[in-house]
PDB file of N, CA and C in Angstrom:
ATOM      1  N   MET A   1     -22.631  45.366  31.290  1.00  0.00           N
ATOM      2  CA  MET A   1     -23.305  44.187  30.806  1.00  0.00           C
ATOM      3  C   MET A   1     -24.808  44.357  31.005  1.00  0.00           C
ATOM      4  N   GLY A   2     -25.251  44.914  32.048  1.00  0.00           N
ATOM      5  CA  GLY A   2     -26.587  45.335  32.375  1.00  0.00           C
ATOM      6  C   GLY A   2     -27.757  44.636  31.718  1.00  0.00           C
ATOM      7  N   LYS A   3     -28.382  45.350  30.764  1.00  0.00           N
ATOM      8  CA  LYS A   3     -29.650  44.872  30.233  1.00  0.00           C
ATOM      9  C   LYS A   3     -29.524  43.658  29.328  1.00  0.00           C
ATOM     10  N   TYR A   4     -28.334  43.314  28.900  1.00  0.00           N
ATOM     11  CA  TYR A   4     -28.142  42.162  28.014  1.00  0.00           C
ATOM     12  C   TYR A   4     -27.577  40.939  28.739  1.00  0.00           C
ATOM     13  N   ALA A   5     -27.503  40.987  30.049  1.00  0.00           N
ATOM     14  CA  ALA A   5     -26.900  39.889  30.813  1.00  0.00           C
ATOM     15  C   ALA A   5     -27.664  38.579  30.609  1.00  0.00           C
ATOM     16  N   LYS A   6     -28.993  38.639  30.600  1.00  0.00           N
ATOM     17  CA  LYS A   6     -29.780  37.408  30.441  1.00  0.00           C
ATOM     18  C   LYS A   6     -29.594  36.825  29.048  1.00  0.00           C
ATOM     19  N   ILE A   7     -29.520  37.688  28.044  1.00  0.00           N
ATOM     20  CA  ILE A   7     -29.307  37.207  26.675  1.00  0.00           C
ATOM     21  C   ILE A   7     -27.972  36.485  26.582  1.00  0.00           C
ATOM     22  N   ILE A   8     -26.949  37.055  27.180  1.00  0.00           N
ATOM     23  CA  ILE A   8     -25.615  36.447  27.135  1.00  0.00           C
ATOM     24  C   ILE A   8     -25.606  35.130  27.907  1.00  0.00           C
ATOM     25  N   GLN A   9     -26.265  35.072  29.052  1.00  0.00           N
ATOM     26  CA  GLN A   9     -26.292  33.843  29.836  1.00  0.00           C
ATOM     27  C   GLN A   9     -27.035  32.734  29.109  1.00  0.00           C
ATOM     28  N   VAL A  10     -28.189  33.049  28.545  1.00  0.00           N
ATOM     29  CA  VAL A  10     -28.957  32.033  27.826  1.00  0.00           C
ATOM     30  C   VAL A  10     -28.198  31.582  26.584  1.00  0.00           C
ATOM     31  N   SER A  11     -27.593  32.518  25.868  1.00  0.00           N
ATOM     32  CA  SER A  11     -26.805  32.161  24.679  1.00  0.00           C
ATOM     33  C   SER A  11     -25.621  31.280  25.059  1.00  0.00           C
ATOM     34  N   GLY A  12     -24.952  31.629  26.145  1.00  0.00           N
ATOM     35  CA  GLY A  12     -23.830  30.817  26.604  1.00  0.00           C
ATOM     36  C   GLY A  12     -24.264  29.429  27.017  1.00  0.00           C
ATOM     37  N   PHE A  13     -25.417  29.339  27.687  1.00  0.00           N
ATOM     38  CA  PHE A  13     -25.933  28.040  28.085  1.00  0.00           C
ATOM     39  C   PHE A  13     -26.272  27.185  26.870  1.00  0.00           C
ATOM     40  N   LEU A  14     -26.991  27.771  25.904  1.00  0.00           N
ATOM     41  CA  LEU A  14     -27.370  27.012  24.706  1.00  0.00           C
ATOM     42  C   LEU A  14     -26.145  26.580  23.911  1.00  0.00           C
ATOM     43  N   PHE A  15     -25.165  27.458  23.796  1.00  0.00           N
ATOM     44  CA  PHE A  15     -23.921  27.106  23.108  1.00  0.00           C
ATOM     45  C   PHE A  15     -23.234  25.947  23.821  1.00  0.00           C
ATOM     46  N   SER A  16     -23.209  25.982  25.136  1.00  0.00           N
ATOM     47  CA  SER A  16     -22.571  24.911  25.912  1.00  0.00           C
ATOM     48  C   SER A  16     -23.301  23.584  25.748  1.00  0.00           C
ATOM     49  N   VAL A  17     -24.625  23.629  25.690  1.00  0.00           N
ATOM     50  CA  VAL A  17     -25.403  22.407  25.473  1.00  0.00           C
ATOM     51  C   VAL A  17     -25.076  21.821  24.101  1.00  0.00           C
ATOM     52  N   VAL A  18     -24.999  22.680  23.096  1.00  0.00           N
ATOM     53  CA  VAL A  18     -24.675  22.212  21.745  1.00  0.00           C
ATOM     54  C   VAL A  18     -23.270  21.616  21.709  1.00  0.00           C
ATOM     55  N   ILE A  19     -22.314  22.256  22.352  1.00  0.00           N
ATOM     56  CA  ILE A  19     -20.941  21.727  22.390  1.00  0.00           C
ATOM     57  C   ILE A  19     -20.912  20.371  23.095  1.00  0.00           C
ATOM     58  N   GLY A  20     -21.599  20.254  24.224  1.00  0.00           N
ATOM     59  CA  GLY A  20     -21.649  18.979  24.934  1.00  0.00           C
ATOM     60  C   GLY A  20     -22.272  17.882  24.084  1.00  0.00           C
ATOM     61  N   TYR A  21     -23.338  18.208  23.371  1.00  0.00           N
ATOM     62  CA  TYR A  21     -23.986  17.218  22.507  1.00  0.00           C
ATOM     63  C   TYR A  21     -23.066  16.815  21.359  1.00  0.00           C
ATOM     64  N   CYS A  22     -22.355  17.783  20.777  1.00  0.00           N
ATOM     65  CA  CYS A  22     -21.413  17.465  19.688  1.00  0.00           C
ATOM     66  C   CYS A  22     -20.303  16.540  20.183  1.00  0.00           C
ATOM     67  N   ILE A  23     -19.787  16.787  21.379  1.00  0.00           N
ATOM     68  CA  ILE A  23     -18.761  15.919  21.955  1.00  0.00           C
ATOM     69  C   ILE A  23     -19.322  14.509  22.143  1.00  0.00           C
ATOM     70  N   LYS A  24     -20.559  14.407  22.601  1.00  0.00           N
ATOM     71  CA  LYS A  24     -21.188  13.101  22.783  1.00  0.00           C
ATOM     72  C   LYS A  24     -21.313  12.362  21.450  1.00  0.00           C
ATOM     73  N   VAL A  25     -21.761  13.063  20.415  1.00  0.00           N
ATOM     74  CA  VAL A  25     -21.933  12.439  19.104  1.00  0.00           C
ATOM     75  C   VAL A  25     -20.580  12.007  18.539  1.00  0.00           C
ATOM     76  N   ILE A  26     -19.575  12.840  18.687  1.00  0.00           N
ATOM     77  CA  ILE A  26     -18.239  12.484  18.198  1.00  0.00           C
ATOM     78  C   ILE A  26     -17.704  11.269  18.955  1.00  0.00           C
ATOM     79  N   PHE A  27     -17.911  11.251  20.270  1.00  0.00           N
ATOM     80  CA  PHE A  27     -17.466  10.123  21.082  1.00  0.00           C
ATOM     81  C   PHE A  27     -18.177   8.838  20.648  1.00  0.00           C
ATOM     82  N   GLU A  28     -19.498   8.911  20.413  1.00  0.00           N
ATOM     83  CA  GLU A  28     -20.245   7.737  19.944  1.00  0.00           C
ATOM     84  C   GLU A  28     -19.740   7.261  18.590  1.00  0.00           C
ATOM     85  N   PHE A  29     -19.436   8.201  17.709  1.00  0.00           N
ATOM     86  CA  PHE A  29     -18.936   7.863  16.377  1.00  0.00           C
ATOM     87  C   PHE A  29     -17.627   7.086  16.472  1.00  0.00           C
ATOM     88  N   PHE A  30     -16.706   7.575  17.293  1.00  0.00           N
ATOM     89  CA  PHE A  30     -15.432   6.884  17.431  1.00  0.00           C
ATOM     90  C   PHE A  30     -15.581   5.576  18.193  1.00  0.00           C
ATOM     91  N   ALA A  31     -16.581   5.481  19.074  1.00  0.00           N
ATOM     92  CA  ALA A  31     -16.830   4.221  19.781  1.00  0.00           C
ATOM     93  C   ALA A  31     -17.297   3.143  18.813  1.00  0.00           C
ATOM     94  N   VAL A  32     -18.018   3.528  17.781  1.00  0.00           N
ATOM     95  CA  VAL A  32     -18.459   2.561  16.778  1.00  0.00           C
ATOM     96  C   VAL A  32     -17.285   2.116  15.921  1.00  0.00           C
ATOM     97  N   LEU A  33     -16.374   3.037  15.639  1.00  0.00           N
ATOM     98  CA  LEU A  33     -15.255   2.723  14.742  1.00  0.00           C
ATOM     99  C   LEU A  33     -14.121   1.960  15.415  1.00  0.00           C
ATOM    100  N   PHE A  34     -13.831   2.280  16.659  1.00  0.00           N
ATOM    101  CA  PHE A  34     -12.651   1.728  17.311  1.00  0.00           C
ATOM    102  C   PHE A  34     -13.039   1.006  18.606  1.00  0.00           C
ATOM    103  N   GLY A  35     -12.536  -0.207  18.752  1.00  0.00           N
ATOM    104  CA  GLY A  35     -12.836  -1.023  19.924  1.00  0.00           C
ATOM    105  C   GLY A  35     -12.397  -0.416  21.239  1.00  0.00           C
ATOM    106  N   PRO A  36     -11.138   0.083  21.342  1.00  0.00           N
ATOM    107  CA  PRO A  36     -10.720   0.660  22.626  1.00  0.00           C
ATOM    108  C   PRO A  36     -11.578   1.857  23.050  1.00  0.00           C
ATOM    109  N   VAL A  37     -11.992   2.642  22.080  1.00  0.00           N
ATOM    110  CA  VAL A  37     -12.854   3.785  22.411  1.00  0.00           C
ATOM    111  C   VAL A  37     -14.215   3.272  22.879  1.00  0.00           C
ATOM    112  N   ALA A  38     -14.689   2.171  22.299  1.00  0.00           N
ATOM    113  CA  ALA A  38     -15.969   1.597  22.713  1.00  0.00           C
ATOM    114  C   ALA A  38     -15.901   1.120  24.160  1.00  0.00           C
ATOM    115  N   LYS A  39     -14.756   0.540  24.559  1.00  0.00           N
ATOM    116  CA  LYS A  39     -14.606   0.102  25.950  1.00  0.00           C
ATOM    117  C   LYS A  39     -14.656   1.298  26.902  1.00  0.00           C
ATOM    118  N   ILE A  40     -13.956   2.365  26.514  1.00  0.00           N
ATOM    119  CA  ILE A  40     -13.963   3.577  27.345  1.00  0.00           C
ATOM    120  C   ILE A  40     -15.359   4.180  27.374  1.00  0.00           C
ATOM    121  N   TYR A  41     -16.018   4.191  26.218  1.00  0.00           N
ATOM    122  CA  TYR A  41     -17.357   4.782  26.118  1.00  0.00           C
ATOM    123  C   TYR A  41     -18.380   3.986  26.923  1.00  0.00           C
ATOM    124  N   GLY A  42     -18.092   2.738  27.189  1.00  0.00           N
ATOM    125  CA  GLY A  42     -18.999   1.918  27.985  1.00  0.00           C
ATOM    126  C   GLY A  42     -19.073   2.350  29.438  1.00  0.00           C
ATOM    127  N   MET A  43     -18.073   3.059  29.933  1.00  0.00           N
ATOM    128  CA  MET A  43     -18.080   3.536  31.317  1.00  0.00           C
ATOM    129  C   MET A  43     -18.937   4.793  31.435  1.00  0.00           C
ATOM    130  N   GLU A  44     -19.756   4.829  32.475  1.00  0.00           N
ATOM    131  CA  GLU A  44     -20.689   5.953  32.666  1.00  0.00           C
ATOM    132  C   GLU A  44     -19.965   7.293  32.760  1.00  0.00           C
ATOM    133  N   ILE A  45     -18.839   7.320  33.447  1.00  0.00           N
ATOM    134  CA  ILE A  45     -18.134   8.591  33.646  1.00  0.00           C
ATOM    135  C   ILE A  45     -17.704   9.190  32.311  1.00  0.00           C
ATOM    136  N   PHE A  46     -17.349   8.345  31.365  1.00  0.00           N
ATOM    137  CA  PHE A  46     -16.930   8.860  30.063  1.00  0.00           C
ATOM    138  C   PHE A  46     -18.140   9.154  29.169  1.00  0.00           C
ATOM    139  N   ARG A  47     -19.147   8.310  29.254  1.00  0.00           N
ATOM    140  CA  ARG A  47     -20.317   8.483  28.389  1.00  0.00           C
ATOM    141  C   ARG A  47     -21.056   9.780  28.707  1.00  0.00           C
ATOM    142  N   HIS A  48     -21.186  10.082  30.001  1.00  0.00           N
ATOM    143  CA  HIS A  48     -21.936  11.278  30.388  1.00  0.00           C
ATOM    144  C   HIS A  48     -21.032  12.380  30.929  1.00  0.00           C
ATOM    145  N   GLY A  49     -19.963  11.998  31.581  1.00  0.00           N
ATOM    146  CA  GLY A  49     -19.122  12.982  32.244  1.00  0.00           C
ATOM    147  C   GLY A  49     -18.362  13.892  31.307  1.00  0.00           C
ATOM    148  N   ILE A  50     -17.798  13.330  30.250  1.00  0.00           N
ATOM    149  CA  ILE A  50     -17.005  14.158  29.333  1.00  0.00           C
ATOM    150  C   ILE A  50     -17.874  15.182  28.597  1.00  0.00           C
ATOM    151  N   PRO A  51     -19.017  14.805  28.023  1.00  0.00           N
ATOM    152  CA  PRO A  51     -19.843  15.835  27.375  1.00  0.00           C
ATOM    153  C   PRO A  51     -20.355  16.902  28.342  1.00  0.00           C
ATOM    154  N   VAL A  52     -20.804  16.481  29.527  1.00  0.00           N
ATOM    155  CA  VAL A  52     -21.302  17.456  30.505  1.00  0.00           C
ATOM    156  C   VAL A  52     -20.166  18.331  31.006  1.00  0.00           C
ATOM    157  N   GLY A  53     -19.023  17.728  31.280  1.00  0.00           N
ATOM    158  CA  GLY A  53     -17.870  18.514  31.730  1.00  0.00           C
ATOM    159  C   GLY A  53     -17.409  19.514  30.691  1.00  0.00           C
ATOM    160  N   THR A  54     -17.377  19.093  29.439  1.00  0.00           N
ATOM    161  CA  THR A  54     -16.986  20.006  28.363  1.00  0.00           C
ATOM    162  C   THR A  54     -17.975  21.154  28.240  1.00  0.00           C
ATOM    163  N   GLY A  55     -19.258  20.835  28.336  1.00  0.00           N
ATOM    164  CA  GLY A  55     -20.279  21.883  28.288  1.00  0.00           C
ATOM    165  C   GLY A  55     -20.149  22.866  29.433  1.00  0.00           C
ATOM    166  N   LEU A  56     -19.890  22.358  30.636  1.00  0.00           N
ATOM    167  CA  LEU A  56     -19.714  23.243  31.787  1.00  0.00           C
ATOM    168  C   LEU A  56     -18.495  24.135  31.644  1.00  0.00           C
ATOM    169  N   VAL A  57     -17.397  23.568  31.169  1.00  0.00           N
ATOM    170  CA  VAL A  57     -16.189  24.366  30.964  1.00  0.00           C
ATOM    171  C   VAL A  57     -16.459  25.482  29.953  1.00  0.00           C
ATOM    172  N   CYS A  58     -17.123  25.139  28.848  1.00  0.00           N
ATOM    173  CA  CYS A  58     -17.466  26.156  27.842  1.00  0.00           C
ATOM    174  C   CYS A  58     -18.350  27.237  28.444  1.00  0.00           C
ATOM    175  N   PHE A  59     -19.340  26.818  29.242  1.00  0.00           N
ATOM    176  CA  PHE A  59     -20.244  27.791  29.859  1.00  0.00           C
ATOM    177  C   PHE A  59     -19.490  28.754  30.757  1.00  0.00           C
ATOM    178  N   PHE A  60     -18.611  28.222  31.599  1.00  0.00           N
ATOM    179  CA  PHE A  60     -17.887  29.093  32.517  1.00  0.00           C
ATOM    180  C   PHE A  60     -16.896  29.988  31.783  1.00  0.00           C
ATOM    181  N   ILE A  61     -16.298  29.500  30.723  1.00  0.00           N
ATOM    182  CA  ILE A  61     -15.401  30.347  29.932  1.00  0.00           C
ATOM    183  C   ILE A  61     -16.188  31.494  29.312  1.00  0.00           C
ATOM    184  N   ILE A  62     -17.360  31.186  28.762  1.00  0.00           N
ATOM    185  CA  ILE A  62     -18.179  32.224  28.142  1.00  0.00           C
ATOM    186  C   ILE A  62     -18.644  33.236  29.187  1.00  0.00           C
ATOM    187  N   GLN A  63     -19.003  32.775  30.375  1.00  0.00           N
ATOM    188  CA  GLN A  63     -19.549  33.668  31.393  1.00  0.00           C
ATOM    189  C   GLN A  63     -18.516  34.548  32.071  1.00  0.00           C
ATOM    190  N   PHE A  64     -17.272  34.068  32.176  1.00  0.00           N
ATOM    191  CA  PHE A  64     -16.319  34.787  33.005  1.00  0.00           C
ATOM    192  C   PHE A  64     -15.100  35.322  32.258  1.00  0.00           C
ATOM    193  N   HIS A  65     -14.985  35.105  30.974  1.00  0.00           N
ATOM    194  CA  HIS A  65     -13.848  35.630  30.227  1.00  0.00           C
ATOM    195  C   HIS A  65     -14.199  37.031  29.738  1.00  0.00           C
ATOM    196  N   PRO A  66     -13.418  38.051  30.158  1.00  0.00           N
ATOM    197  CA  PRO A  66     -13.796  39.425  29.828  1.00  0.00           C
ATOM    198  C   PRO A  66     -13.788  39.730  28.324  1.00  0.00           C
ATOM    199  N   LYS A  67     -12.871  39.147  27.583  1.00  0.00           N
ATOM    200  CA  LYS A  67     -12.824  39.418  26.145  1.00  0.00           C
ATOM    201  C   LYS A  67     -14.041  38.818  25.433  1.00  0.00           C
ATOM    202  N   ILE A  68     -14.455  37.632  25.851  1.00  0.00           N
ATOM    203  CA  ILE A  68     -15.644  37.011  25.260  1.00  0.00           C
ATOM    204  C   ILE A  68     -16.875  37.820  25.626  1.00  0.00           C
ATOM    205  N   GLN A  69     -16.960  38.291  26.872  1.00  0.00           N
ATOM    206  CA  GLN A  69     -18.089  39.117  27.285  1.00  0.00           C
ATOM    207  C   GLN A  69     -18.159  40.401  26.463  1.00  0.00           C
ATOM    208  N   LYS A  70     -17.009  41.031  26.229  1.00  0.00           N
ATOM    209  CA  LYS A  70     -16.977  42.264  25.425  1.00  0.00           C
ATOM    210  C   LYS A  70     -17.407  41.964  23.994  1.00  0.00           C
ATOM    211  N   TRP A  71     -16.925  40.864  23.440  1.00  0.00           N
ATOM    212  CA  TRP A  71     -17.298  40.506  22.067  1.00  0.00           C
ATOM    213  C   TRP A  71     -18.799  40.265  21.964  1.00  0.00           C
ATOM    214  N   LEU A  72     -19.369  39.557  22.931  1.00  0.00           N
ATOM    215  CA  LEU A  72     -20.806  39.312  22.922  1.00  0.00           C
ATOM    216  C   LEU A  72     -21.596  40.609  23.042  1.00  0.00           C
ATOM    217  N   MET A  73     -21.137  41.536  23.866  1.00  0.00           N
ATOM    218  CA  MET A  73     -21.808  42.834  23.973  1.00  0.00           C
ATOM    219  C   MET A  73     -21.733  43.588  22.642  1.00  0.00           C
ATOM    220  N   ASP A  74     -20.589  43.519  21.967  1.00  0.00           N
ATOM    221  CA  ASP A  74     -20.458  44.168  20.656  1.00  0.00           C
ATOM    222  C   ASP A  74     -21.403  43.541  19.636  1.00  0.00           C
ATOM    223  N   VAL A  75     -21.548  42.219  19.681  1.00  0.00           N
ATOM    224  CA  VAL A  75     -22.458  41.535  18.763  1.00  0.00           C
ATOM    225  C   VAL A  75     -23.895  41.993  19.013  1.00  0.00           C
ATOM    226  N   ILE A  76     -24.303  42.035  20.268  1.00  0.00           N
ATOM    227  CA  ILE A  76     -25.664  42.451  20.600  1.00  0.00           C
ATOM    228  C   ILE A  76     -25.884  43.911  20.207  1.00  0.00           C
ATOM    229  N   THR A  77     -24.900  44.759  20.416  1.00  0.00           N
ATOM    230  CA  THR A  77     -25.017  46.164  20.027  1.00  0.00           C
ATOM    231  C   THR A  77     -25.199  46.294  18.520  1.00  0.00           C
ATOM    232  N   GLU A  78     -24.458  45.512  17.750  1.00  0.00           N
ATOM    233  CA  GLU A  78     -24.597  45.567  16.290  1.00  0.00           C
ATOM    234  C   GLU A  78     -25.948  45.019  15.838  1.00  0.00           C
ATOM    235  N   ILE A  79     -26.438  43.979  16.508  1.00  0.00           N
ATOM    236  CA  ILE A  79     -27.745  43.428  16.153  1.00  0.00           C
ATOM    237  C   ILE A  79     -28.847  44.445  16.449  1.00  0.00           C
ATOM    238  N   ASP A  80     -28.666  45.252  17.511  1.00  0.00           N
ATOM    239  CA  ASP A  80     -29.638  46.303  17.808  1.00  0.00           C
ATOM    240  C   ASP A  80     -29.711  47.350  16.705  1.00  0.00           C
ATOM    241  N   LYS A  81     -28.636  47.529  15.963  1.00  0.00           N
ATOM    242  CA  LYS A  81     -28.589  48.534  14.900  1.00  0.00           C
ATOM    243  C   LYS A  81     -29.271  48.068  13.617  1.00  0.00           C
ATOM    244  N   VAL A  82     -29.555  46.770  13.511  1.00  0.00           N
ATOM    245  CA  VAL A  82     -30.160  46.229  12.293  1.00  0.00           C
ATOM    246  C   VAL A  82     -31.601  46.724  12.181  1.00  0.00           C
ATOM    247  N   VAL A  83     -31.972  47.143  10.978  1.00  0.00           N
ATOM    248  CA  VAL A  83     -33.356  47.541  10.729  1.00  0.00           C
ATOM    249  C   VAL A  83     -34.076  46.316  10.178  1.00  0.00           C
ATOM    250  N   TRP A  84     -34.928  45.729  10.991  1.00  0.00           N
ATOM    251  CA  TRP A  84     -35.633  44.521  10.618  1.00  0.00           C
ATOM    252  C   TRP A  84     -36.874  44.882   9.809  1.00  0.00           C
ATOM    253  N   PRO A  85     -37.244  44.063   8.821  1.00  0.00           N
ATOM    254  CA  PRO A  85     -38.445  44.371   8.036  1.00  0.00           C
ATOM    255  C   PRO A  85     -39.711  44.215   8.882  1.00  0.00           C
ATOM    256  N   THR A  86     -40.723  44.960   8.478  1.00  0.00           N
ATOM    257  CA  THR A  86     -41.997  44.869   9.194  1.00  0.00           C
ATOM    258  C   THR A  86     -42.701  43.564   8.832  1.00  0.00           C
ATOM    259  N   LYS A  87     -43.763  43.267   9.552  1.00  0.00           N
ATOM    260  CA  LYS A  87     -44.533  42.053   9.290  1.00  0.00           C
ATOM    261  C   LYS A  87     -45.130  42.110   7.884  1.00  0.00           C
ATOM    262  N   LYS A  88     -45.606  43.288   7.498  1.00  0.00           N
ATOM    263  CA  LYS A  88     -46.210  43.462   6.176  1.00  0.00           C
ATOM    264  C   LYS A  88     -45.161  43.242   5.077  1.00  0.00           C
ATOM    265  N   ASP A  89     -43.970  43.816   5.256  1.00  0.00           N
ATOM    266  CA  ASP A  89     -42.899  43.637   4.266  1.00  0.00           C
ATOM    267  C   ASP A  89     -42.495  42.169   4.145  1.00  0.00           C
ATOM    268  N   THR A  90     -42.372  41.502   5.291  1.00  0.00           N
ATOM    269  CA  THR A  90     -41.996  40.084   5.279  1.00  0.00           C
ATOM    270  C   THR A  90     -43.041  39.249   4.551  1.00  0.00           C
ATOM    271  N   PHE A  91     -44.322  39.525   4.809  1.00  0.00           N
ATOM    272  CA  PHE A  91     -45.393  38.774   4.151  1.00  0.00           C
ATOM    273  C   PHE A  91     -45.377  39.019   2.645  1.00  0.00           C
ATOM    274  N   SER A  92     -45.214  40.274   2.245  1.00  0.00           N
ATOM    275  CA  SER A  92     -45.236  40.571   0.805  1.00  0.00           C
ATOM    276  C   SER A  92     -44.028  39.967   0.091  1.00  0.00           C
ATOM    277  N   MET A  93     -42.854  40.024   0.709  1.00  0.00           N
ATOM    278  CA  MET A  93     -41.668  39.423   0.082  1.00  0.00           C
ATOM    279  C   MET A  93     -41.811  37.898  -0.004  1.00  0.00           C
ATOM    280  N   THR A  94     -42.400  37.288   1.012  1.00  0.00           N
ATOM    281  CA  THR A  94     -42.632  35.846   0.985  1.00  0.00           C
ATOM    282  C   THR A  94     -43.603  35.479  -0.128  1.00  0.00           C
ATOM    283  N   ALA A  95     -44.645  36.293  -0.306  1.00  0.00           N
ATOM    284  CA  ALA A  95     -45.615  36.032  -1.371  1.00  0.00           C
ATOM    285  C   ALA A  95     -44.967  36.148  -2.743  1.00  0.00           C
ATOM    286  N   VAL A  96     -44.113  37.156  -2.936  1.00  0.00           N
ATOM    287  CA  VAL A  96     -43.437  37.333  -4.233  1.00  0.00           C
ATOM    288  C   VAL A  96     -42.513  36.150  -4.506  1.00  0.00           C
ATOM    289  N   VAL A  97     -41.739  35.748  -3.520  1.00  0.00           N
ATOM    290  CA  VAL A  97     -40.820  34.624  -3.706  1.00  0.00           C
ATOM    291  C   VAL A  97     -41.598  33.345  -3.998  1.00  0.00           C
ATOM    292  N   SER A  98     -42.686  33.118  -3.292  1.00  0.00           N
ATOM    293  CA  SER A  98     -43.495  31.914  -3.528  1.00  0.00           C
ATOM    294  C   SER A  98     -44.074  31.909  -4.937  1.00  0.00           C
ATOM    295  N   PHE A  99     -44.570  33.068  -5.405  1.00  0.00           N
ATOM    296  CA  PHE A  99     -45.111  33.162  -6.755  1.00  0.00           C
ATOM    297  C   PHE A  99     -44.040  32.901  -7.808  1.00  0.00           C
ATOM    298  N   VAL A 100     -42.867  33.488  -7.626  1.00  0.00           N
ATOM    299  CA  VAL A 100     -41.780  33.288  -8.590  1.00  0.00           C
ATOM    300  C   VAL A 100     -41.346  31.826  -8.614  1.00  0.00           C
ATOM    301  N   LEU A 101     -41.270  31.188  -7.458  1.00  0.00           N
ATOM    302  CA  LEU A 101     -40.909  29.768  -7.410  1.00  0.00           C
ATOM    303  C   LEU A 101     -41.963  28.905  -8.086  1.00  0.00           C
ATOM    304  N   LEU A 102     -43.216  29.209  -7.868  1.00  0.00           N
ATOM    305  CA  LEU A 102     -44.294  28.470  -8.515  1.00  0.00           C
ATOM    306  C   LEU A 102     -44.235  28.650 -10.031  1.00  0.00           C
ATOM    307  N   LEU A 103     -44.027  29.873 -10.468  1.00  0.00           N
ATOM    308  CA  LEU A 103     -43.920  30.156 -11.901  1.00  0.00           C
ATOM    309  C   LEU A 103     -42.721  29.431 -12.516  1.00  0.00           C
ATOM    310  N   ALA A 104     -41.585  29.463 -11.826  1.00  0.00           N
ATOM    311  CA  ALA A 104     -40.396  28.768 -12.332  1.00  0.00           C
ATOM    312  C   ALA A 104     -40.647  27.258 -12.395  1.00  0.00           C
ATOM    313  N   GLY A 105     -41.347  26.705 -11.417  1.00  0.00           N
ATOM    314  CA  GLY A 105     -41.659  25.279 -11.439  1.00  0.00           C
ATOM    315  C   GLY A 105     -42.553  24.913 -12.608  1.00  0.00           C
ATOM    316  N   VAL A 106     -43.538  25.759 -12.891  1.00  0.00           N
ATOM    317  CA  VAL A 106     -44.424  25.489 -14.026  1.00  0.00           C
ATOM    318  C   VAL A 106     -43.653  25.566 -15.336  1.00  0.00           C
ATOM    319  N   VAL A 107     -42.821  26.604 -15.488  1.00  0.00           N
ATOM    320  CA  VAL A 107     -42.040  26.753 -16.730  1.00  0.00           C
ATOM    321  C   VAL A 107     -41.097  25.571 -16.914  1.00  0.00           C
ATOM    322  N   LEU A 108     -40.383  25.192 -15.858  1.00  0.00           N
ATOM    323  CA  LEU A 108     -39.467  24.050 -15.969  1.00  0.00           C
ATOM    324  C   LEU A 108     -40.234  22.756 -16.233  1.00  0.00           C
ATOM    325  N   GLY A 109     -41.394  22.606 -15.627  1.00  0.00           N
ATOM    326  CA  GLY A 109     -42.212  21.427 -15.888  1.00  0.00           C
ATOM    327  C   GLY A 109     -42.662  21.355 -17.332  1.00  0.00           C
ATOM    328  N   LEU A 110     -43.044  22.497 -17.905  1.00  0.00           N
ATOM    329  CA  LEU A 110     -43.444  22.527 -19.316  1.00  0.00           C
ATOM    330  C   LEU A 110     -42.268  22.197 -20.231  1.00  0.00           C
ATOM    331  N   PHE A 111     -41.089  22.753 -19.918  1.00  0.00           N
ATOM    332  CA  PHE A 111     -39.895  22.418 -20.707  1.00  0.00           C
ATOM    333  C   PHE A 111     -39.596  20.927 -20.629  1.00  0.00           C
ATOM    334  N   ASP A 112     -39.699  20.356 -19.437  1.00  0.00           N
ATOM    335  CA  ASP A 112     -39.442  18.927 -19.262  1.00  0.00           C
ATOM    336  C   ASP A 112     -40.456  18.092 -20.041  1.00  0.00           C
ATOM    337  N   LEU A 113     -41.713  18.458 -19.965  1.00  0.00           N
ATOM    338  CA  LEU A 113     -42.753  17.743 -20.679  1.00  0.00           C
ATOM    339  C   LEU A 113     -42.558  17.822 -22.195  1.00  0.00           C
ATOM    340  N   SER A 114     -42.219  19.020 -22.680  1.00  0.00           N
ATOM    341  CA  SER A 114     -41.996  19.159 -24.128  1.00  0.00           C
ATOM    342  C   SER A 114     -40.744  18.405 -24.572  1.00  0.00           C
ATOM    343  N   ALA A 115     -39.691  18.402 -23.764  1.00  0.00           N
ATOM    344  CA  ALA A 115     -38.481  17.659 -24.111  1.00  0.00           C
ATOM    345  C   ALA A 115     -38.757  16.165 -24.121  1.00  0.00           C
ATOM    346  N   ALA A 116     -39.530  15.678 -23.170  1.00  0.00           N
ATOM    347  CA  ALA A 116     -39.862  14.254 -23.123  1.00  0.00           C
ATOM    348  C   ALA A 116     -40.718  13.865 -24.328  1.00  0.00           C
ATOM    349  N   THR A 117     -41.670  14.737 -24.679  1.00  0.00           N
ATOM    350  CA  THR A 117     -42.513  14.464 -25.855  1.00  0.00           C
ATOM    351  C   THR A 117     -41.674  14.457 -27.122  1.00  0.00           C
ATOM    352  N   LEU A 118     -40.766  15.404 -27.245  1.00  0.00           N
ATOM    353  CA  LEU A 118     -39.888  15.472 -28.420  1.00  0.00           C
ATOM    354  C   LEU A 118     -39.000  14.231 -28.501  1.00  0.00           C
ATOM    355  N   MET A 119     -38.457  13.799 -27.372  1.00  0.00           N
ATOM    356  CA  MET A 119     -37.592  12.614 -27.376  1.00  0.00           C
ATOM    357  C   MET A 119     -38.400  11.360 -27.742  1.00  0.00           C
ATOM    358  N   ARG A 120     -39.642  11.227 -27.240  1.00  0.00           N
ATOM    359  CA  ARG A 120     -40.488  10.097 -27.620  1.00  0.00           C
ATOM    360  C   ARG A 120     -40.794  10.122 -29.119  1.00  0.00           C
ATOM    361  N   PHE A 121     -41.025  11.299 -29.670  1.00  0.00           N
ATOM    362  CA  PHE A 121     -41.305  11.438 -31.093  1.00  0.00           C
ATOM    363  C   PHE A 121     -40.078  11.047 -31.922  1.00  0.00           C
ATOM    364  N   ILE A 122     -38.896  11.478 -31.498  1.00  0.00           N
ATOM    365  CA  ILE A 122     -37.651  11.153 -32.219  1.00  0.00           C
ATOM    366  C   ILE A 122     -37.350   9.664 -32.111  1.00  0.00           C
ATOM    367  N   MET A 123     -37.558   9.064 -30.945  1.00  0.00           N
ATOM    368  CA  MET A 123     -37.244   7.645 -30.741  1.00  0.00           C
ATOM    369  C   MET A 123     -38.184   6.727 -31.522  1.00  0.00           C
ATOM    370  N   ASN A 124     -39.420   7.168 -31.748  1.00  0.00           N
ATOM    371  CA  ASN A 124     -40.387   6.328 -32.467  1.00  0.00           C
ATOM    372  C   ASN A 124     -40.287   6.671 -33.919  1.00  0.00           C
TER     373      ASN A 124
END
């Protein structure tokens, strides 16, 4: 695990935070829809305890399950193999895409304007 241990720990922590937040949002959603869930959601232990507990369980599963650790190491190894574009390449590709989008917007705007003018001419 060595040099990628911090990446795996931070990723596991962030994933656990997201899972805990999703559980909280789902719980709030059902509390709005159903009265009994709203009563349960009114208790502090359920409002804060279930999302935090779920996040902690996810974190510990990610940190200590050997198959998940191996999978994460494989993912990081594959990401290391990716050839990322240089800053210059990224800037030039962004400029080309922006120009093409601007050109397409102008062409579509002209078509729209001509169609509107034609329809006004036909209607009058």
